[in-house]
């Protein structure tokens, strides 16, 4: 029997969108998957998330790699500035 496990970490803030992501991962999981839900409100979790490249939640990390569906999201200063934030009207 193969004892390898796939670690799936779901970073959540407890919102409805996060719960949908948790439900999706739980629905897709197999016997090789170890699913861990991490609450961004808990001490240290945001530091771990940041180290993995998480910029917004929900986010899913598989074996230490941020899933491509969750990468590149989150506030971007250049996009916000180009939309007018920081410029007096």
Protein backbone atom coordinates (compact mmCIF):
# COMPACT_ATOMS: atom_id res chain seq x y z
CA UNK A 1 0.00 0.00 0.00
CA UNK A 2 1.29 3.46 -0.94
CA UNK A 3 1.49 5.73 2.12
CA UNK A 4 2.00 8.95 0.16
CA UNK A 5 -0.36 11.76 1.06
CA UNK A 6 -1.25 14.97 -0.72
CA UNK A 7 -1.54 17.92 1.65
CA UNK A 8 -4.31 20.31 0.64
CA UNK A 9 -4.46 23.52 2.66
CA UNK A 10 -7.49 25.78 2.33
CA UNK A 11 -6.98 29.31 3.63
CA UNK A 12 -10.29 30.74 4.79
CA UNK A 13 -11.69 33.80 6.52
CA UNK A 14 -14.97 32.10 7.34
CA UNK A 15 -17.00 33.87 4.63
CA UNK A 16 -19.56 32.17 2.34
CA UNK A 17 -17.10 32.15 -0.61
CA UNK A 18 -14.52 30.44 1.60
CA UNK A 19 -17.07 27.85 2.68
CA UNK A 20 -17.84 27.13 -0.98
CA UNK A 21 -14.12 26.51 -1.59
CA UNK A 22 -13.92 24.21 1.44
CA UNK A 23 -16.98 22.30 0.24
CA UNK A 24 -15.49 21.96 -3.26
CA UNK A 25 -12.18 20.62 -1.96
CA UNK A 26 -13.97 18.19 0.35
CA UNK A 27 -16.12 17.00 -2.54
CA UNK A 28 -13.04 16.46 -4.75
CA UNK A 29 -10.80 14.89 -2.13
CA UNK A 30 -9.64 11.32 -2.44
CA UNK A 31 -8.16 8.84 0.01
CA UNK A 32 -4.68 10.26 -0.70
CA UNK A 33 -5.73 13.80 0.24
CA UNK A 34 -5.25 15.30 3.67
CA UNK A 35 -7.36 18.47 3.77
CA UNK A 36 -6.54 21.14 6.34
CA UNK A 37 -8.62 24.29 6.69
CA UNK A 38 -6.64 27.25 8.01
CA UNK A 39 -8.46 30.21 9.55
CA UNK A 40 -6.80 33.49 8.59
CA UNK A 41 -8.04 34.92 11.91
CA UNK A 42 -5.80 32.53 13.86
CA UNK A 43 -2.31 33.69 14.93
CA UNK A 44 0.43 32.68 12.51
CA UNK A 45 -1.85 31.57 9.69
CA UNK A 46 -1.53 34.81 7.74
CA UNK A 47 2.27 34.54 7.95
CA UNK A 48 2.14 31.03 6.49
CA UNK A 49 -0.25 32.21 3.80
CA UNK A 50 2.01 35.11 2.86
CA UNK A 51 5.04 32.78 2.64
CA UNK A 52 3.12 30.64 0.13
CA UNK A 53 2.06 33.61 -2.02
CA UNK A 54 -1.55 33.81 -0.85
CA UNK A 55 -2.89 37.32 -1.50
CA UNK A 56 -6.62 36.75 -1.03
CA UNK A 57 -9.00 34.15 0.33
CA UNK A 58 -10.24 31.63 -0.29
CA UNK A 59 -6.95 30.14 -1.43
CA UNK A 60 -5.90 26.54 -1.92
CA UNK A 61 -2.36 25.25 -1.56
CA UNK A 62 -1.50 21.73 -2.72
CA UNK A 63 1.71 20.19 -1.41
CA UNK A 64 3.14 23.63 -0.67
CA UNK A 65 2.24 25.18 -4.04
CA UNK A 66 -0.49 27.78 -4.46
CA UNK A 67 -3.02 26.42 -6.94
CA UNK A 68 -3.06 28.40 -10.19
CA UNK A 69 -6.75 29.13 -9.69
CA UNK A 70 -5.78 31.12 -6.59
CA UNK A 71 -2.62 32.86 -7.78
CA UNK A 72 -2.34 36.49 -8.81
CA UNK A 73 -5.42 37.67 -6.99
CA UNK A 74 -5.68 40.26 -4.30
CA UNK A 75 -5.21 43.99 -4.19
CA UNK A 76 -2.66 45.34 -6.65
CA UNK A 77 -1.37 48.87 -6.00
CA UNK A 78 -0.75 49.69 -9.66
CA UNK A 79 -4.27 48.61 -10.65
CA UNK A 80 -5.82 50.63 -7.83
CA UNK A 81 -3.78 53.70 -8.71
CA UNK A 82 -4.72 53.42 -12.39
CA UNK A 83 -8.38 53.29 -11.28
CA UNK A 84 -7.90 56.63 -9.53
CA UNK A 85 -7.16 55.82 -5.92
CA UNK A 86 -4.61 58.29 -4.62
CA UNK A 87 -5.40 60.93 -7.25
CA UNK A 88 -7.29 64.00 -6.15
CA UNK A 89 -10.43 64.71 -8.19
